[in-house]
N, C-alpha and C. Protein backbone atom coordinates (compact mmCIF):
# COMPACT_ATOMS: atom_id res chain seq x y z
N MET A 1 108.47 166.08 40.24
CA MET A 1 108.35 167.37 39.43
C MET A 1 107.12 167.31 38.57
N THR A 2 106.33 168.32 38.60
CA THR A 2 105.14 168.68 37.73
C THR A 2 105.74 169.37 36.65
N HIS A 3 105.41 168.84 35.38
CA HIS A 3 105.76 169.49 34.19
C HIS A 3 104.55 169.69 33.25
N ILE A 4 104.30 170.97 32.77
CA ILE A 4 103.24 171.17 32.03
C ILE A 4 103.66 171.95 30.81
N GLU A 5 103.42 171.48 29.57
CA GLU A 5 103.79 172.23 28.42
C GLU A 5 102.51 172.67 27.78
N SER A 6 102.57 173.99 27.36
CA SER A 6 101.40 174.66 26.58
C SER A 6 101.49 174.05 25.17
N LYS A 7 100.26 174.27 24.44
CA LYS A 7 100.27 173.87 22.99
C LYS A 7 101.22 174.98 22.44
N LYS A 8 101.80 174.63 21.25
CA LYS A 8 102.63 175.34 20.34
C LYS A 8 101.76 176.02 19.46
N VAL A 9 102.08 177.39 19.16
CA VAL A 9 101.51 178.11 18.11
C VAL A 9 102.57 178.83 17.26
N GLU A 10 102.03 178.99 15.99
CA GLU A 10 103.03 179.62 15.00
C GLU A 10 102.57 180.99 14.77
N ILE A 11 103.62 181.92 14.76
CA ILE A 11 103.23 183.47 14.53
C ILE A 11 104.28 183.90 13.57
N GLY A 12 103.65 184.68 12.57
CA GLY A 12 104.35 185.08 11.50
C GLY A 12 105.32 186.32 11.81
N LYS A 13 105.95 186.38 12.85
CA LYS A 13 106.78 187.51 13.29
C LYS A 13 108.17 186.77 13.62
N PRO A 14 109.25 187.56 13.69
CA PRO A 14 110.53 187.22 14.06
C PRO A 14 110.51 187.04 15.61
N ALA A 15 111.32 186.09 16.09
CA ALA A 15 111.41 185.62 17.48
C ALA A 15 111.85 186.79 18.30
N LYS A 16 112.85 187.75 17.71
CA LYS A 16 113.39 188.83 18.43
C LYS A 16 112.19 189.71 18.92
N GLU A 17 111.22 190.07 17.94
CA GLU A 17 110.08 190.99 18.20
C GLU A 17 109.10 190.30 19.33
N LEU A 18 108.94 189.09 19.24
CA LEU A 18 107.97 188.41 20.26
C LEU A 18 108.74 188.26 21.52
N TYR A 19 110.02 188.10 21.50
CA TYR A 19 110.75 187.99 22.87
C TYR A 19 110.66 189.42 23.41
N ALA A 20 110.81 190.40 22.78
CA ALA A 20 110.84 191.89 23.32
C ALA A 20 109.57 192.05 23.89
N PHE A 21 108.47 191.45 23.36
CA PHE A 21 107.07 191.72 23.88
C PHE A 21 106.91 190.92 25.14
N VAL A 22 107.35 189.70 25.21
CA VAL A 22 107.18 188.90 26.50
C VAL A 22 108.02 189.37 27.50
N GLU A 23 109.21 189.97 27.30
CA GLU A 23 110.19 190.37 28.20
C GLU A 23 109.75 191.48 28.89
N ASP A 24 108.77 192.28 28.33
CA ASP A 24 108.25 193.49 29.20
C ASP A 24 107.20 192.96 29.95
N MET A 25 107.29 192.83 31.20
CA MET A 25 106.30 192.19 31.98
C MET A 25 104.92 193.09 31.95
N ASN A 26 105.03 194.36 31.57
CA ASN A 26 103.80 195.18 31.47
C ASN A 26 102.76 194.44 30.42
N ASN A 27 103.40 193.84 29.38
CA ASN A 27 102.51 193.24 28.41
C ASN A 27 101.87 191.99 28.70
N PHE A 28 102.20 191.49 29.91
CA PHE A 28 101.84 190.16 30.12
C PHE A 28 100.20 189.97 30.61
N GLN A 29 99.66 191.22 30.97
CA GLN A 29 98.29 191.37 31.29
C GLN A 29 97.54 191.10 29.98
N GLN A 30 98.04 191.45 28.91
CA GLN A 30 97.28 191.27 27.59
C GLN A 30 97.04 189.77 27.39
N LEU A 31 97.98 188.94 27.80
CA LEU A 31 97.88 187.33 27.62
C LEU A 31 97.01 186.80 28.49
N LEU A 32 96.40 187.32 29.58
CA LEU A 32 95.78 186.60 30.60
C LEU A 32 94.25 186.68 30.22
N PRO A 33 93.57 185.81 30.83
CA PRO A 33 92.06 185.65 30.51
C PRO A 33 91.29 187.00 31.04
N GLU A 34 90.68 187.61 30.15
CA GLU A 34 89.75 188.84 30.60
C GLU A 34 88.78 188.39 31.49
N GLY A 35 88.50 189.18 32.62
CA GLY A 35 87.38 189.01 33.59
C GLY A 35 87.69 187.94 34.64
N ARG A 36 89.00 187.38 34.47
CA ARG A 36 89.34 186.21 35.39
C ARG A 36 90.48 186.73 36.26
N ILE A 37 91.00 188.01 36.07
CA ILE A 37 92.31 188.40 36.62
C ILE A 37 92.02 189.73 37.33
N SER A 38 92.38 189.96 38.66
CA SER A 38 92.35 191.15 39.31
C SER A 38 93.58 191.55 40.08
N ASP A 39 93.56 192.68 40.56
CA ASP A 39 94.81 193.07 41.26
C ASP A 39 96.16 193.09 40.50
N TRP A 40 96.03 193.52 39.30
CA TRP A 40 97.13 193.47 38.46
C TRP A 40 98.18 194.52 38.77
N GLN A 41 99.39 194.19 38.86
CA GLN A 41 100.68 195.18 39.22
C GLN A 41 101.79 194.60 38.30
N SER A 42 102.51 195.68 37.82
CA SER A 42 103.63 195.34 37.00
C SER A 42 104.70 196.46 37.16
N ASP A 43 106.12 196.09 37.15
CA ASP A 43 107.06 197.08 37.11
C ASP A 43 107.92 196.95 35.91
N GLY A 44 107.41 196.18 34.94
CA GLY A 44 108.25 195.83 33.84
C GLY A 44 109.21 194.61 33.83
N ARG A 45 109.84 194.51 35.02
CA ARG A 45 110.55 193.31 35.34
C ARG A 45 109.93 192.01 36.04
N SER A 46 108.67 192.33 36.63
CA SER A 46 108.01 191.56 37.41
C SER A 46 106.58 191.90 37.25
N CYS A 47 105.61 190.93 37.74
CA CYS A 47 104.32 191.25 37.67
C CYS A 47 103.48 190.26 38.76
N SER A 48 102.30 190.77 39.18
CA SER A 48 101.55 189.93 40.07
C SER A 48 100.10 190.13 39.63
N PHE A 49 99.28 189.10 39.99
CA PHE A 49 97.83 189.20 39.67
C PHE A 49 97.19 188.09 40.40
N LYS A 50 95.99 188.34 40.69
CA LYS A 50 94.98 187.37 41.46
C LYS A 50 94.09 186.80 40.48
N VAL A 51 94.14 185.39 40.36
CA VAL A 51 93.36 184.64 39.63
C VAL A 51 92.07 184.29 40.16
N GLN A 52 90.93 184.69 39.53
CA GLN A 52 89.66 184.47 40.19
C GLN A 52 89.37 183.02 40.64
N GLY A 53 89.02 183.01 42.06
CA GLY A 53 88.80 181.53 42.70
C GLY A 53 90.01 180.87 42.91
N ALA A 54 91.32 181.65 42.76
CA ALA A 54 92.46 180.96 43.16
C ALA A 54 93.49 181.95 43.90
N ALA A 55 94.81 181.58 43.79
CA ALA A 55 95.75 182.44 44.53
C ALA A 55 96.27 183.54 43.71
N THR A 56 97.09 184.33 44.31
CA THR A 56 97.70 185.51 43.75
C THR A 56 98.99 184.89 43.20
N ILE A 57 99.47 185.34 42.03
CA ILE A 57 100.54 184.71 41.29
C ILE A 57 101.54 185.94 40.97
N GLY A 58 102.82 185.67 41.42
CA GLY A 58 103.79 186.56 41.13
C GLY A 58 104.84 186.12 40.11
N LEU A 59 105.31 186.68 39.10
CA LEU A 59 106.29 186.35 38.15
C LEU A 59 107.35 187.34 38.03
N MET A 60 108.53 186.93 37.76
CA MET A 60 109.67 187.85 37.53
C MET A 60 110.64 187.20 36.60
N LEU A 61 111.30 188.08 35.55
CA LEU A 61 112.23 187.59 34.84
C LEU A 61 113.37 186.94 35.47
N ASP A 62 113.96 185.94 34.80
CA ASP A 62 114.94 185.16 35.43
C ASP A 62 115.95 184.80 34.39
N GLY A 63 116.24 185.58 33.40
CA GLY A 63 117.32 185.27 32.41
C GLY A 63 116.73 184.72 31.17
N GLY A 64 117.76 183.98 30.51
CA GLY A 64 117.32 183.32 29.36
C GLY A 64 118.23 183.42 28.33
N THR A 65 117.90 183.24 26.95
CA THR A 65 118.90 183.25 25.90
C THR A 65 118.06 183.92 24.73
N PRO A 66 118.17 185.23 24.72
CA PRO A 66 117.39 185.92 23.44
C PRO A 66 117.96 185.40 22.27
N PRO A 67 117.13 185.27 21.14
CA PRO A 67 115.71 185.49 21.34
C PRO A 67 114.97 184.12 21.31
N SER A 68 115.52 183.04 21.75
CA SER A 68 114.84 181.79 21.89
C SER A 68 114.32 181.42 23.06
N LEU A 69 114.75 181.88 24.29
CA LEU A 69 114.28 181.34 25.53
C LEU A 69 114.26 182.46 26.45
N LEU A 70 113.02 182.62 27.14
CA LEU A 70 112.92 183.86 28.26
C LEU A 70 112.52 182.99 29.39
N LYS A 71 113.31 183.11 30.54
CA LYS A 71 112.98 182.36 31.78
C LYS A 71 112.30 183.25 32.67
N LEU A 72 111.13 182.77 33.37
CA LEU A 72 110.53 183.47 34.33
C LEU A 72 110.48 182.49 35.52
N LYS A 73 110.28 183.15 36.76
CA LYS A 73 110.14 182.42 38.01
C LYS A 73 109.12 183.02 38.99
N ALA A 74 108.70 182.32 39.72
CA ALA A 74 107.61 182.66 40.74
C ALA A 74 108.42 183.65 41.78
N THR A 75 107.54 184.69 42.27
CA THR A 75 108.05 185.53 43.25
C THR A 75 107.62 184.88 44.61
N GLU A 76 107.84 185.64 45.74
CA GLU A 76 107.26 185.30 46.93
C GLU A 76 105.82 185.48 47.16
N ARG A 77 105.23 186.08 46.25
CA ARG A 77 103.73 186.31 46.20
C ARG A 77 103.06 184.99 45.83
N SER A 78 103.68 184.19 45.02
CA SER A 78 102.95 182.98 44.64
C SER A 78 102.75 181.90 45.72
N PRO A 79 101.89 180.93 45.48
CA PRO A 79 101.70 179.89 46.58
C PRO A 79 102.63 178.80 46.71
N PHE A 80 103.41 178.71 45.52
CA PHE A 80 104.54 177.59 45.49
C PHE A 80 105.49 178.01 44.51
N PRO A 81 106.84 177.62 44.73
CA PRO A 81 107.90 178.01 43.84
C PRO A 81 107.67 177.27 42.42
N PHE A 82 108.07 177.97 41.37
CA PHE A 82 107.76 177.38 39.97
C PHE A 82 108.83 178.23 38.98
N THR A 83 108.88 177.70 37.77
CA THR A 83 109.59 178.12 36.75
C THR A 83 108.59 178.16 35.55
N LEU A 84 108.79 179.19 34.56
CA LEU A 84 107.92 179.14 33.45
C LEU A 84 108.85 179.70 32.39
N ASP A 85 109.27 178.70 31.42
CA ASP A 85 110.02 179.04 30.29
C ASP A 85 109.34 179.38 29.05
N VAL A 86 109.64 180.43 28.41
CA VAL A 86 108.92 180.68 27.08
C VAL A 86 109.98 180.42 26.07
N HIS A 87 109.52 179.50 25.06
CA HIS A 87 110.39 178.97 24.05
C HIS A 87 109.87 179.58 22.76
N MET A 88 110.89 180.18 21.94
CA MET A 88 110.64 180.87 20.69
C MET A 88 111.65 180.12 19.68
N ASN A 89 110.98 179.44 18.62
CA ASN A 89 111.78 178.81 17.71
C ASN A 89 111.50 179.35 16.24
N GLU A 90 112.36 180.14 15.77
CA GLU A 90 112.21 181.02 14.40
C GLU A 90 112.70 180.20 13.34
N ALA A 91 111.86 179.92 12.29
CA ALA A 91 112.24 179.44 10.90
C ALA A 91 111.50 180.06 9.80
N ASN A 92 112.25 180.63 8.96
CA ASN A 92 111.69 181.10 7.76
C ASN A 92 110.70 182.27 8.07
N GLY A 93 111.08 183.23 8.99
CA GLY A 93 110.23 184.38 9.35
C GLY A 93 108.93 184.02 10.25
N THR A 94 108.84 182.68 10.64
CA THR A 94 107.62 182.26 11.46
C THR A 94 108.29 181.75 12.68
N THR A 95 107.64 182.11 13.83
CA THR A 95 108.28 181.68 15.03
C THR A 95 107.26 180.78 15.75
N THR A 96 107.59 179.61 16.14
CA THR A 96 106.83 178.62 16.97
C THR A 96 107.03 179.01 18.49
N ILE A 97 106.03 179.25 19.10
CA ILE A 97 106.33 179.65 20.67
C ILE A 97 105.39 178.85 21.44
N TRP A 98 105.92 178.46 22.69
CA TRP A 98 105.27 177.73 23.69
C TRP A 98 105.88 177.98 25.08
N GLN A 99 105.13 177.46 26.04
CA GLN A 99 105.60 177.67 27.49
C GLN A 99 105.85 176.24 28.13
N GLU A 100 106.77 176.36 29.06
CA GLU A 100 107.03 175.11 29.93
C GLU A 100 107.00 175.48 31.39
N PHE A 101 106.05 174.79 32.02
CA PHE A 101 106.02 175.08 33.50
C PHE A 101 106.60 174.05 34.37
N ASN A 102 107.37 174.32 35.32
CA ASN A 102 107.94 173.22 36.24
C ASN A 102 107.71 173.66 37.66
N ALA A 103 107.29 172.63 38.46
CA ALA A 103 107.33 173.12 39.88
C ALA A 103 107.27 171.57 40.78
N ASP A 104 107.76 171.64 41.75
CA ASP A 104 107.92 170.50 42.71
C ASP A 104 106.63 170.64 43.67
N LEU A 105 105.48 169.84 43.19
CA LEU A 105 104.35 169.95 43.80
C LEU A 105 103.96 168.68 44.44
N ASN A 106 103.32 168.76 45.61
CA ASN A 106 102.85 167.36 46.21
C ASN A 106 101.57 166.91 45.35
N PRO A 107 101.31 165.46 45.44
CA PRO A 107 100.34 164.94 44.56
C PRO A 107 99.01 165.67 44.66
N PHE A 108 98.61 166.22 46.01
CA PHE A 108 97.23 166.68 46.05
C PHE A 108 97.19 168.08 45.48
N ILE A 109 98.26 169.13 45.44
CA ILE A 109 98.29 170.18 44.95
C ILE A 109 98.14 170.11 43.38
N LYS A 110 99.08 169.06 42.91
CA LYS A 110 99.25 168.88 41.51
C LYS A 110 97.81 168.52 40.98
N MET A 111 97.13 167.61 41.53
CA MET A 111 95.90 167.25 41.03
C MET A 111 94.90 168.54 41.06
N MET A 112 95.09 169.44 41.89
CA MET A 112 94.23 170.54 41.98
C MET A 112 94.50 171.54 40.86
N VAL A 113 95.83 171.79 40.59
CA VAL A 113 96.21 172.87 39.71
C VAL A 113 96.62 172.46 38.14
N GLU A 114 96.79 171.21 37.89
CA GLU A 114 97.35 170.69 36.67
C GLU A 114 96.39 171.23 35.58
N LYS A 115 95.12 170.89 35.53
CA LYS A 115 94.24 171.30 34.46
C LYS A 115 93.95 172.68 34.37
N PRO A 116 93.68 173.57 35.57
CA PRO A 116 93.60 174.95 35.45
C PRO A 116 94.90 175.70 34.72
N LEU A 117 95.91 175.16 35.19
CA LEU A 117 97.23 175.73 34.74
C LEU A 117 97.58 175.35 33.20
N THR A 118 97.24 174.21 32.80
CA THR A 118 97.18 173.64 31.35
C THR A 118 96.34 174.67 30.55
N ASN A 119 95.15 174.97 30.93
CA ASN A 119 94.16 175.78 30.43
C ASN A 119 94.68 177.27 30.28
N LEU A 120 95.32 177.69 31.34
CA LEU A 120 95.89 179.07 31.36
C LEU A 120 97.06 179.17 30.40
N PHE A 121 97.92 178.19 30.32
CA PHE A 121 98.94 178.45 29.45
C PHE A 121 98.71 178.34 27.91
N ASP A 122 97.59 177.31 27.76
CA ASP A 122 96.97 177.32 26.39
C ASP A 122 96.48 178.59 26.00
N HIS A 123 95.64 179.15 26.88
CA HIS A 123 95.16 180.51 26.52
C HIS A 123 96.13 181.59 26.36
N ILE A 124 97.25 181.64 27.09
CA ILE A 124 98.27 182.55 26.76
C ILE A 124 99.06 182.35 25.54
N ALA A 125 99.03 181.10 25.07
CA ALA A 125 99.53 180.80 23.78
C ALA A 125 98.68 181.33 22.58
N ASP A 126 97.24 181.08 22.80
CA ASP A 126 96.25 181.58 21.85
C ASP A 126 96.31 183.15 21.81
N ARG A 127 96.44 183.80 23.02
CA ARG A 127 96.42 185.35 22.91
C ARG A 127 97.82 185.74 22.16
N MET A 128 98.86 185.02 22.43
CA MET A 128 100.02 185.52 21.61
C MET A 128 99.77 185.45 20.11
N LYS A 129 99.12 184.43 19.72
CA LYS A 129 98.96 184.31 18.33
C LYS A 129 97.87 185.33 17.76
N ALA A 130 96.80 185.70 18.77
CA ALA A 130 95.72 186.64 18.19
C ALA A 130 96.33 188.01 18.39
N ILE A 131 97.34 188.29 19.28
CA ILE A 131 97.86 189.73 19.20
C ILE A 131 98.83 189.89 18.01
N HIS A 132 99.72 188.87 17.71
CA HIS A 132 100.92 189.02 16.93
C HIS A 132 100.56 188.27 15.59
N GLY A 133 99.59 187.41 15.53
CA GLY A 133 99.41 186.49 14.44
C GLY A 133 99.10 187.41 13.09
């Protein structure tokens, strides 16, 4: 199992507000690196996009426990099955937010995608802080 955890960022907003933002998949485009994403599509419950120099990724809502955990999973548009959990831990009006990616990847694919995915998830964390911080 390949497990990647993004950096944790603290945002001075309630978890409920951040959960509502992330749960609307239309907002996910704002978290992605500008200029590196094309073919964006979203219906609010799922989205797909092409990463420059890589594959098309599809994500859809897959439950969770509001407002502390939002579960996402790959759609059939993705090159391999995976889950992406967004954790939100609120204390004293500040929410710590981070993502956990899990996929069953062969060693060759893992070697190719681990660093770019880590960078992507850290970028998403930074964008959440920039938008809501």
